[in-house]
Amino acid sequence: MRRRTLLRSLAAVSATGAAGTAAGHPLPTDNGSTPAGTPTPGEPLGTLDLSGARELVTSPDGHTAYVATGEGIALVDLVSPGEPRLLAERTELLADSPDGPMQIVQDLAVSETRLLVAGPANPAEGAHGVVVFDVSDRENPERVAAVELDTRIHNADFDGRYAYVTANSRAENPLAVVDTETGEEVGSWSLLDADERWREVHPALRPLHDVTVQDDRAYLAYWDAGTWILDVSDPGDISLVSRVRGRDRADLAAIEDPGTERTEPPGNDHFVTVDEDATLLGVGGESWASADDGNGGPSGIELFDISDPTSPDSLATIDPPSTSDPTYGGVLTTAHNFELTDGRLYSAWYQGGVRVHDVRDPSQPRQIYRWRDSATTSFWTAQRGAGCFVASNTAALDDSVSPGVYTFPDPAVDAPTRTDGATGDGFGAVAALAALGLGAWRLGRRREREQ
């Protein structure tokens, strides 16, 4: 469950980890033209080689990164951002199953001191299901629950008890809710529950690719069918709140061969998340151009005001970085996974690098940091840590990439030095202004709705 707390904010401002040695990569312009090795003040703080790195999430205090590694998980220490350090690894998940172990592990979710691991992400042999670890001891994660399921799980979220998983091996492509304490599946929902006529749309155009759950709401990215908001306050009786965006059902039903249609914009809702109080929602599209006709290309991130979740309002779209070759085998710069927190958007764009946007006024997002080295990196996700932000570099699409974890300077952190040499314990000026700016924008939106 992607929920950020006051503890995270304070930890980010007060972290005092050593700066370490920068990774020695450039800060190119968006076309990647800066020569490799050019020193810049925005270089990474540190790197850690980690085979198989894919999705990455950070702990509520920002001191730990949890990384899906294909064969299992790794826990990485971020206390000294310049020197990220491997704490523990776990592989051979569900090895005690007759079908085990689990293969293609590329998604996980954290809730306080519990970590959910799901897989396989794609069709594969081996056991299917979810595993829960107690990660209160960072160097000794302990398995506390496991549930086998009849579906592959590309993405999932977790509230500490219930696992919300994408069940795309089933014909309806539903969201399935699993009680990890009892091992029972307690609820499900699919587009067919909204309208049975969605069955007429080819399943390849309506897979459930991602789910985020926060405060009794689930946010679902259903590819070309769009993004949907559900009420999951009762996991056994899920109901529809609203549809955020998406292509017309009848138009999709008329497409007989999804082929390039499912890879090119418009549509391709790939990842969805919300900020701390779920008034701002971001939807990222994953797309590229067909090698046959050259149409299409990378997609960006659209921001929505959902202070009234029954009436989402599009505010702005962040365009993707440029690319010299928009095809799948070229220089892929489409949006991938990201985080909205503390008035900032931390985002990963594969070979387009990482970016940070100031979204205190989400109708006018402002880029405040970027780093890109298309020749050596392909970033899966970006997340806020304590005193830094962190991204996973993946070889999933390019085996010439050296996979691992990168830490970067966080432009949102403002920690004034006190006279005793320690960093301040409270919010810095930037954080305070961010809070004021975000609050003023939300108040203005509410007044507009009331009028």
Protein backbone atom coordinates (compact mmCIF):
# COMPACT_ATOMS: atom_id res chain seq x y z
CA MET A 1 0.00 0.00 0.00
CA ARG A 2 1.57 3.25 -1.14
CA ARG A 3 0.94 5.41 1.91
CA ARG A 4 3.34 8.11 3.06
CA THR A 5 3.39 9.44 6.61
CA LEU A 6 4.72 12.35 8.62
CA LEU A 7 7.54 10.04 9.67
CA ARG A 8 8.73 9.86 6.06
CA SER A 9 8.71 13.63 5.72
CA LEU A 10 10.71 14.15 8.91
CA ALA A 11 13.16 11.40 8.03
CA ALA A 12 13.80 12.94 4.62
CA VAL A 13 14.56 16.31 6.15
CA SER A 14 16.71 15.06 9.02
CA ALA A 15 18.73 12.28 7.32
CA THR A 16 22.49 12.83 7.68
CA GLY A 17 23.92 9.98 5.58
CA ALA A 18 27.36 10.45 4.04
CA ALA A 19 27.42 11.87 0.55
CA GLY A 20 29.76 9.17 -0.78
CA THR A 21 31.22 9.08 -4.27
CA ALA A 22 29.05 9.96 -7.24
CA ALA A 23 28.55 7.28 -9.84
CA GLY A 24 30.36 9.25 -12.53
CA HIS A 25 27.51 9.47 -15.04
CA PRO A 26 26.41 12.60 -16.92
CA LEU A 27 23.36 14.81 -16.60
CA PRO A 28 22.46 15.01 -20.30
CA THR A 29 19.82 17.11 -21.92
CA ASP A 30 16.65 15.18 -22.80
CA ASN A 31 18.13 14.06 -26.11
CA GLY A 32 21.05 12.43 -24.31
CA SER A 33 23.64 14.62 -26.08
CA THR A 34 25.96 15.38 -23.16
CA PRO A 35 29.21 13.35 -23.44
CA ALA A 36 29.48 10.49 -20.97
CA GLY A 37 31.54 11.29 -17.90
CA THR A 38 30.77 15.02 -17.84
CA PRO A 39 30.75 16.03 -14.15
CA THR A 40 27.59 17.76 -12.96
CA PRO A 41 26.14 18.64 -9.56
CA GLY A 42 23.13 16.42 -10.26
CA GLU A 43 24.94 13.10 -10.59
CA PRO A 44 23.85 10.01 -8.64
CA LEU A 45 25.01 9.79 -5.06
CA GLY A 46 25.75 6.09 -5.20
CA THR A 47 25.00 2.76 -6.87
CA LEU A 48 24.65 -0.87 -5.89
CA ASP A 49 24.86 -3.70 -8.42
CA LEU A 50 21.89 -6.01 -7.97
CA SER A 51 21.09 -8.76 -10.44
CA GLY A 52 17.52 -8.91 -11.72
CA ALA A 53 16.40 -5.56 -10.25
CA ARG A 54 12.86 -4.60 -11.21
CA GLU A 55 10.22 -2.94 -9.00
CA LEU A 56 11.46 -1.07 -5.93
CA VAL A 57 9.52 0.37 -3.00
CA THR A 58 10.81 2.16 0.08
CA SER A 59 9.99 1.69 3.74
CA PRO A 60 7.78 4.25 5.55
CA ASP A 61 10.88 5.81 7.18
CA GLY A 62 12.77 5.87 3.87
CA HIS A 63 15.76 3.96 5.26
CA THR A 64 15.22 0.74 3.29
CA ALA A 65 14.57 -0.13 -0.33
CA TYR A 66 12.80 -3.40 -1.09
CA VAL A 67 13.64 -4.70 -4.57
CA ALA A 68 12.06 -7.44 -6.67
CA THR A 69 14.90 -9.36 -8.32
CA GLY A 70 13.17 -11.84 -10.62
CA GLU A 71 14.25 -14.77 -8.46
CA GLY A 72 13.09 -13.19 -5.21
CA ILE A 73 13.67 -10.02 -3.19
CA ALA A 74 16.52 -7.93 -1.80
CA LEU A 75 16.59 -5.41 1.05
CA VAL A 76 18.91 -2.43 0.58
CA ASP A 77 20.07 0.01 3.25
CA LEU A 78 19.64 3.70 2.32
CA VAL A 79 20.76 5.26 5.61
CA SER A 80 23.95 6.49 3.89
CA PRO A 81 22.60 7.42 0.43
CA GLY A 82 26.11 7.59 -1.06
CA GLU A 83 26.73 3.97 -0.12
CA PRO A 84 23.58 1.85 -0.63
CA ARG A 85 24.25 -1.53 0.99
CA LEU A 86 22.73 -4.96 0.56
CA LEU A 87 21.12 -6.12 3.81
CA ALA A 88 19.42 -9.40 2.90
CA GLU A 89 18.09 -11.49 0.03
CA ARG A 90 15.39 -14.13 -0.18
CA THR A 91 14.98 -16.48 -3.15
CA GLU A 92 13.26 -19.82 -3.81
CA LEU A 93 9.90 -18.34 -2.80
CA LEU A 94 7.13 -20.96 -2.46
CA ALA A 95 9.79 -23.64 -2.92
CA ASP A 96 7.77 -25.90 -0.61
CA SER A 97 4.95 -25.99 -3.17
CA PRO A 98 4.73 -28.99 -5.53
CA ASP A 99 4.95 -26.43 -8.35
CA GLY A 100 7.58 -24.22 -6.68
CA PRO A 101 9.54 -22.13 -6.58
CA MET A 102 7.95 -18.90 -7.82
CA GLN A 103 9.42 -17.50 -11.05
CA ILE A 104 9.58 -13.97 -12.55
CA VAL A 105 9.16 -12.04 -9.30
CA GLN A 106 8.92 -8.39 -10.29
CA ASP A 107 6.37 -6.76 -8.01
CA LEU A 108 6.06 -6.13 -4.29
CA ALA A 109 4.32 -3.77 -1.87
CA VAL A 110 5.02 -2.68 1.68
CA SER A 111 2.69 -1.90 4.58
CA GLU A 112 4.50 -0.76 7.73
CA THR A 113 6.63 -3.81 8.70
CA ARG A 114 5.05 -6.30 6.29
CA LEU A 115 6.23 -6.87 2.72
CA LEU A 116 4.07 -8.56 0.08
CA VAL A 117 5.79 -10.32 -2.83
CA ALA A 118 3.76 -11.53 -5.82
CA GLY A 119 4.36 -13.58 -8.93
CA PRO A 120 4.96 -14.76 -11.48
CA ALA A 121 4.50 -11.50 -13.34
CA ASN A 122 4.16 -13.17 -16.74
CA PRO A 123 3.17 -16.65 -17.96
CA ALA A 124 5.70 -19.06 -16.45
CA GLU A 125 6.18 -22.44 -14.85
CA GLY A 126 6.41 -22.66 -11.08
CA ALA A 127 4.18 -21.73 -8.17
CA HIS A 128 1.79 -18.78 -8.44
CA GLY A 129 0.74 -16.64 -5.50
CA VAL A 130 1.85 -14.21 -2.81
CA VAL A 131 4.31 -14.36 0.06
CA VAL A 132 4.35 -12.06 3.09
CA PHE A 133 7.52 -11.21 5.02
CA ASP A 134 7.91 -9.54 8.38
CA VAL A 135 10.67 -7.00 7.68
CA SER A 136 10.88 -5.40 11.13
CA ASP A 137 14.40 -6.88 11.31
CA ARG A 138 15.89 -5.57 8.08
CA GLU A 139 18.72 -8.09 8.00
CA ASN A 140 16.49 -11.07 8.75
CA PRO A 141 13.18 -10.86 6.86
CA GLU A 142 10.93 -13.68 8.04
CA ARG A 143 8.22 -15.34 5.98
CA VAL A 144 4.93 -15.15 7.90
CA ALA A 145 2.33 -16.07 5.27
CA ALA A 146 1.99 -17.56 1.80
CA VAL A 147 -1.03 -18.14 -0.42
CA GLU A 148 -0.99 -20.03 -3.72
CA LEU A 149 -3.32 -18.78 -6.45
CA ASP A 150 -4.46 -19.90 -9.89
CA THR A 151 -3.24 -16.80 -11.73
CA ARG A 152 -0.09 -14.96 -12.65
CA ILE A 153 0.23 -11.62 -10.85
CA HIS A 154 1.86 -8.78 -12.74
CA ASN A 155 1.20 -6.21 -10.01
CA ALA A 156 -0.25 -6.11 -6.51
CA ASP A 157 -0.83 -3.90 -3.47
CA PHE A 158 -1.13 -4.65 0.23
CA ASP A 159 -2.75 -3.12 3.33
CA GLY A 160 -1.08 -5.37 5.88
CA ARG A 161 -3.74 -8.07 5.69
CA TYR A 162 -5.42 -8.04 2.28
CA ALA A 163 -3.47 -8.54 -0.94
CA TYR A 164 -4.99 -6.87 -4.00
CA VAL A 165 -3.69 -8.68 -7.08
CA THR A 166 -4.09 -8.42 -10.85
CA ALA A 167 -5.53 -11.78 -11.92
CA ASN A 168 -5.01 -11.68 -15.68
CA SER A 169 -4.84 -15.45 -16.13
CA ARG A 170 -8.61 -15.40 -15.66
CA ALA A 171 -10.93 -14.51 -18.55
CA GLU A 172 -12.42 -11.46 -16.82
CA ASN A 173 -8.99 -9.95 -15.98
CA PRO A 174 -10.26 -9.11 -12.48
CA LEU A 175 -8.87 -7.55 -9.36
CA ALA A 176 -8.74 -10.35 -6.77
CA VAL A 177 -8.59 -9.71 -3.02
CA VAL A 178 -6.84 -12.29 -0.84
CA ASP A 179 -6.90 -12.43 2.95
CA THR A 180 -3.29 -13.35 3.73
CA GLU A 181 -4.19 -14.28 7.31
CA THR A 182 -6.76 -16.92 6.36
CA GLY A 183 -5.47 -17.77 2.88
CA GLU A 184 -8.93 -17.20 1.40
CA GLU A 185 -9.86 -15.15 -1.65
CA VAL A 186 -12.60 -12.88 -0.30
CA GLY A 187 -13.60 -10.72 -3.25
CA SER A 188 -13.07 -9.71 -6.86
CA TRP A 189 -14.12 -7.09 -9.40
CA SER A 190 -13.70 -6.71 -13.15
CA LEU A 191 -14.90 -4.44 -15.93
CA LEU A 192 -17.68 -6.94 -16.58
CA ASP A 193 -19.15 -5.96 -13.20
CA ALA A 194 -19.46 -2.41 -14.52
CA ASP A 195 -20.87 -3.47 -17.90
CA GLU A 196 -21.15 -7.02 -19.25
CA ARG A 197 -20.50 -5.65 -22.75
CA TRP A 198 -16.79 -5.27 -21.92
CA ARG A 199 -16.63 -8.99 -22.73
CA GLU A 200 -16.86 -7.95 -26.39
CA VAL A 201 -13.47 -6.20 -26.14
CA HIS A 202 -10.39 -8.31 -26.84
CA PRO A 203 -8.72 -9.21 -23.48
CA ALA A 204 -5.37 -7.89 -24.75
CA LEU A 205 -6.88 -4.39 -24.82
CA ARG A 206 -8.27 -4.57 -21.27
CA PRO A 207 -5.73 -6.32 -19.02
CA LEU A 208 -5.61 -5.12 -15.42
CA HIS A 209 -2.02 -3.95 -15.35
CA ASP A 210 -1.73 -2.14 -12.03
CA VAL A 211 -3.53 -1.50 -8.76
CA THR A 212 -2.94 0.97 -5.94
CA VAL A 213 -5.00 0.80 -2.72
CA GLN A 214 -5.26 3.57 -0.15
CA ASP A 215 -7.86 4.43 2.49
CA ASP A 216 -10.64 2.11 1.23
CA ARG A 217 -10.15 3.08 -2.40
CA ALA A 218 -8.57 1.00 -5.16
CA TYR A 219 -7.20 2.64 -8.30
CA LEU A 220 -6.99 0.34 -11.32
CA ALA A 221 -5.08 0.78 -14.60
CA TYR A 222 -6.96 -1.23 -17.22
CA TRP A 223 -4.78 -0.45 -20.27
CA ASP A 224 -6.90 0.84 -23.20
CA ALA A 225 -10.05 0.48 -21.09
CA GLY A 226 -8.66 3.25 -18.88
CA THR A 227 -8.34 3.94 -15.17
CA TRP A 228 -11.07 3.17 -12.62
CA ILE A 229 -11.70 3.95 -8.95
CA LEU A 230 -13.33 1.37 -6.66
CA ASP A 231 -14.68 1.36 -3.12
CA VAL A 232 -12.99 -1.55 -1.32
CA SER A 233 -14.04 -0.67 2.24
CA ASP A 234 -15.66 -4.12 2.25
CA PRO A 235 -13.29 -6.37 0.24
CA GLY A 236 -16.12 -8.89 -0.13
CA ASP A 237 -18.48 -6.33 -1.68
CA ILE A 238 -16.50 -4.08 -4.02
CA SER A 239 -18.33 -1.25 -5.80
CA LEU A 240 -17.50 1.21 -8.58
CA VAL A 241 -16.84 4.85 -7.69
CA SER A 242 -15.91 6.31 -11.09
CA ARG A 243 -14.01 5.92 -14.31
CA VAL A 244 -11.13 8.38 -14.62
CA ARG A 245 -10.29 8.02 -18.29
CA GLY A 246 -10.19 5.47 -21.11
CA ARG A 247 -11.12 4.72 -24.69
CA ASP A 248 -14.69 4.15 -25.81
CA ARG A 249 -15.86 0.60 -25.20
CA ALA A 250 -17.64 0.29 -28.54
CA ASP A 251 -14.56 1.51 -30.44
CA LEU A 252 -12.39 -1.05 -28.66
CA ALA A 253 -14.90 -3.81 -29.34
CA ALA A 254 -14.59 -3.11 -33.07
CA ILE A 255 -10.85 -3.93 -33.02
CA GLU A 256 -10.42 -7.56 -34.03
CA ASP A 257 -6.62 -7.73 -34.01
CA PRO A 258 -5.12 -5.90 -30.99
CA GLY A 259 -1.61 -6.20 -32.48
CA THR A 260 -0.02 -2.79 -32.61
CA GLU A 261 -3.18 -1.18 -31.20
CA ARG A 262 -2.24 -2.31 -27.69
CA THR A 263 1.30 -0.94 -27.95
CA GLU A 264 0.61 2.50 -29.37
CA PRO A 265 -1.17 5.52 -27.87
CA PRO A 266 -3.81 6.59 -27.09
CA GLY A 267 -4.63 4.56 -23.99
CA ASN A 268 -2.13 2.09 -22.53
CA ASP A 269 -2.91 2.95 -18.89
CA HIS A 270 0.00 1.19 -17.23
CA PHE A 271 0.53 2.60 -13.72
CA VAL A 272 -1.67 4.57 -11.32
CA THR A 273 -1.03 6.09 -7.91
CA VAL A 274 -2.26 8.89 -5.62
CA ASP A 275 -0.73 11.32 -3.17
CA GLU A 276 -1.03 11.13 0.62
CA ASP A 277 -4.63 12.33 0.93
CA ALA A 278 -5.80 10.93 -2.42
CA THR A 279 -6.76 14.28 -3.92
CA LEU A 280 -4.16 14.06 -6.69
CA LEU A 281 -3.96 11.02 -8.99
CA GLY A 282 -1.35 10.20 -11.63
CA VAL A 283 -1.79 7.83 -14.57
CA GLY A 284 1.21 6.74 -16.63
CA GLY A 285 0.95 5.21 -20.09
CA GLU A 286 3.44 2.67 -21.47
CA SER A 287 3.68 2.75 -25.24
CA TRP A 288 6.04 2.73 -28.17
CA ALA A 289 5.97 2.89 -31.96
CA SER A 290 5.42 -0.02 -34.30
CA ALA A 291 8.48 -0.96 -36.32
CA ASP A 292 6.16 -1.57 -39.27
CA ASP A 293 4.47 1.79 -39.65
CA GLY A 294 6.43 4.08 -37.33
CA ASN A 295 3.26 5.41 -35.71
CA GLY A 296 2.89 6.01 -32.02
CA GLY A 297 5.68 6.55 -29.53
CA PRO A 298 6.21 7.03 -25.81
CA SER A 299 3.46 8.14 -23.43
CA GLY A 300 3.60 10.51 -20.46
CA ILE A 301 1.93 10.97 -17.07
CA GLU A 302 -1.48 12.65 -16.71
CA LEU A 303 -2.46 14.29 -13.42
CA PHE A 304 -6.05 14.44 -12.13
CA ASP A 305 -7.80 16.29 -9.35
CA ILE A 306 -9.84 13.63 -7.53
CA SER A 307 -10.79 15.65 -4.45
CA ASP A 308 -14.26 14.57 -5.60
CA PRO A 309 -13.49 10.97 -6.68
CA THR A 310 -16.84 10.72 -8.47
CA SER A 311 -15.84 13.56 -10.80
CA PRO A 312 -12.14 13.36 -11.78
CA ASP A 313 -10.74 16.50 -13.42
CA SER A 314 -7.70 16.38 -15.73
CA LEU A 315 -5.14 19.01 -14.73
CA ALA A 316 -1.99 18.50 -16.81
CA THR A 317 0.10 15.97 -18.73
CA ILE A 318 3.85 15.54 -18.36
CA ASP A 319 5.35 14.62 -21.72
CA PRO A 320 7.96 11.85 -22.00
CA PRO A 321 11.64 12.53 -22.72
CA SER A 322 12.63 12.63 -26.38
CA THR A 323 13.95 9.58 -28.18
CA SER A 324 15.87 8.97 -31.39
CA ASP A 325 14.10 5.64 -31.92
CA PRO A 326 10.59 5.23 -30.45
CA THR A 327 10.25 1.51 -31.30
CA TYR A 328 10.36 -1.23 -28.68
CA GLY A 329 13.91 -2.23 -29.60
CA GLY A 330 15.07 1.36 -29.84
CA VAL A 331 15.53 4.00 -27.13
CA LEU A 332 12.48 3.47 -24.93
CA THR A 333 11.55 6.64 -23.04
CA THR A 334 7.95 5.95 -22.08
CA ALA A 335 6.57 6.48 -18.57
CA HIS A 336 6.99 3.57 -16.19
CA ASN A 337 6.50 3.60 -12.40
CA PHE A 338 6.50 6.68 -10.15
CA GLU A 339 5.54 8.13 -6.78
CA LEU A 340 3.51 11.18 -5.70
CA THR A 341 4.49 12.46 -2.25
CA ASP A 342 5.07 15.74 -0.41
CA GLY A 343 4.18 17.84 -3.44
CA ARG A 344 6.69 16.01 -5.65
CA LEU A 345 6.46 13.50 -8.48
CA TYR A 346 9.41 11.09 -8.69
CA SER A 347 9.33 9.24 -12.02
CA ALA A 348 11.23 6.66 -14.09
CA TRP A 349 11.25 6.61 -17.91
CA TYR A 350 13.35 3.55 -18.84
CA GLN A 351 16.20 4.88 -21.03
CA GLY A 352 14.75 8.36 -20.64
CA GLY A 353 16.22 8.46 -17.12
CA VAL A 354 14.66 9.76 -13.92
CA ARG A 355 12.91 13.05 -13.21
CA VAL A 356 11.47 14.99 -10.30
CA HIS A 357 8.59 17.45 -10.76
CA ASP A 358 7.24 20.02 -8.35
CA VAL A 359 3.47 19.37 -8.36
CA ARG A 360 2.42 21.69 -5.54
CA ASP A 361 0.39 23.32 -8.31
CA PRO A 362 -0.47 20.16 -10.24
CA SER A 363 -2.05 22.13 -13.07
CA GLN A 364 1.46 23.43 -13.82
CA PRO A 365 3.99 20.70 -12.97
CA ARG A 366 7.55 22.03 -12.97
CA GLN A 367 10.59 19.84 -13.61
CA ILE A 368 13.22 20.43 -10.92
CA TYR A 369 15.60 17.50 -11.53
CA ARG A 370 16.51 15.09 -14.30
CA TRP A 371 19.26 12.59 -14.97
CA ARG A 372 19.70 10.40 -18.01
CA ASP A 373 22.27 8.07 -19.49
CA SER A 374 20.51 6.08 -22.18
CA ALA A 375 23.58 3.98 -22.95
CA THR A 376 23.93 2.41 -19.50
CA THR A 377 20.61 2.76 -17.64
CA SER A 378 16.98 1.76 -18.01
CA PHE A 379 14.98 2.77 -14.93
CA TRP A 380 11.96 0.79 -13.70
CA THR A 381 10.77 3.06 -10.89
CA ALA A 382 11.67 6.06 -8.74
CA GLN A 383 10.78 6.41 -5.04
CA ARG A 384 11.46 8.90 -2.27
CA GLY A 385 13.94 7.77 0.39
CA ALA A 386 15.38 9.45 3.48
CA GLY A 387 17.56 12.30 2.28
CA CYS A 388 17.57 11.02 -1.31
CA PHE A 389 15.42 9.44 -3.95
CA VAL A 390 16.15 5.99 -5.29
CA ALA A 391 15.58 4.20 -8.60
CA SER A 392 15.98 0.64 -9.85
CA ASN A 393 18.04 0.11 -12.98
CA THR A 394 16.76 -2.93 -14.88
CA ALA A 395 18.06 -5.23 -17.58
CA ALA A 396 14.54 -6.55 -18.21
CA LEU A 397 14.43 -4.93 -21.66
CA ASP A 398 18.14 -4.59 -22.42
CA ASP A 399 20.64 -7.20 -21.25
CA SER A 400 23.53 -4.78 -21.83
CA VAL A 401 22.37 -2.79 -18.77
CA SER A 402 24.05 -3.55 -15.42
CA PRO A 403 21.03 -3.87 -13.09
CA GLY A 404 21.02 -2.37 -9.64
CA VAL A 405 19.97 0.47 -7.35
CA TYR A 406 20.82 4.16 -7.88
CA THR A 407 20.48 6.88 -5.26
CA PHE A 408 20.05 10.53 -6.27
CA PRO A 409 20.05 13.91 -4.51
CA ASP A 410 16.49 14.84 -3.55
CA PRO A 411 15.71 18.39 -4.71
CA ALA A 412 12.74 18.47 -2.32
CA VAL A 413 14.93 18.14 0.78
CA ASP A 414 15.86 21.36 2.60
CA ALA A 415 17.62 20.65 5.88
CA PRO A 416 19.14 23.83 7.35
CA THR A 417 22.19 23.23 9.53
CA ARG A 418 21.83 24.10 13.19
CA THR A 419 24.56 25.74 15.25
CA ASP A 420 25.43 22.40 16.89
CA GLY A 421 26.24 20.91 13.50
CA ALA A 422 23.23 18.58 13.35
CA THR A 423 20.51 18.89 10.75
CA GLY A 424 17.15 20.31 11.74
CA ASP A 425 14.47 18.04 13.15
CA GLY A 426 11.49 19.86 11.65
CA PHE A 427 10.32 20.68 8.15
CA GLY A 428 12.72 22.78 6.10
CA ALA A 429 11.66 25.84 4.15
CA VAL A 430 11.03 23.93 0.94
CA ALA A 431 8.91 21.31 2.69
CA ALA A 432 6.93 24.00 4.52
CA LEU A 433 6.26 25.92 1.31
CA ALA A 434 5.28 22.69 -0.40
CA ALA A 435 2.72 21.98 2.29
CA LEU A 436 1.34 25.53 2.13
CA GLY A 437 1.21 25.54 -1.67
CA LEU A 438 -0.53 22.18 -1.87
CA GLY A 439 -3.01 23.19 0.82
CA ALA A 440 -3.84 26.45 -0.95
CA TRP A 441 -4.42 24.64 -4.24
CA ARG A 442 -6.76 22.10 -2.61
CA LEU A 443 -8.70 24.83 -0.80
CA GLY A 444 -9.11 26.66 -4.08
CA ARG A 445 -10.36 23.54 -5.85
CA ARG A 446 -12.91 22.89 -3.11
CA ARG A 447 -14.20 26.46 -3.28
CA GLU A 448 -14.55 26.18 -7.06
CA ARG A 449 -16.63 23.02 -6.64
CA GLU A 450 -18.80 24.61 -3.96
CA GLN A 451 -19.51 27.59 -6.24
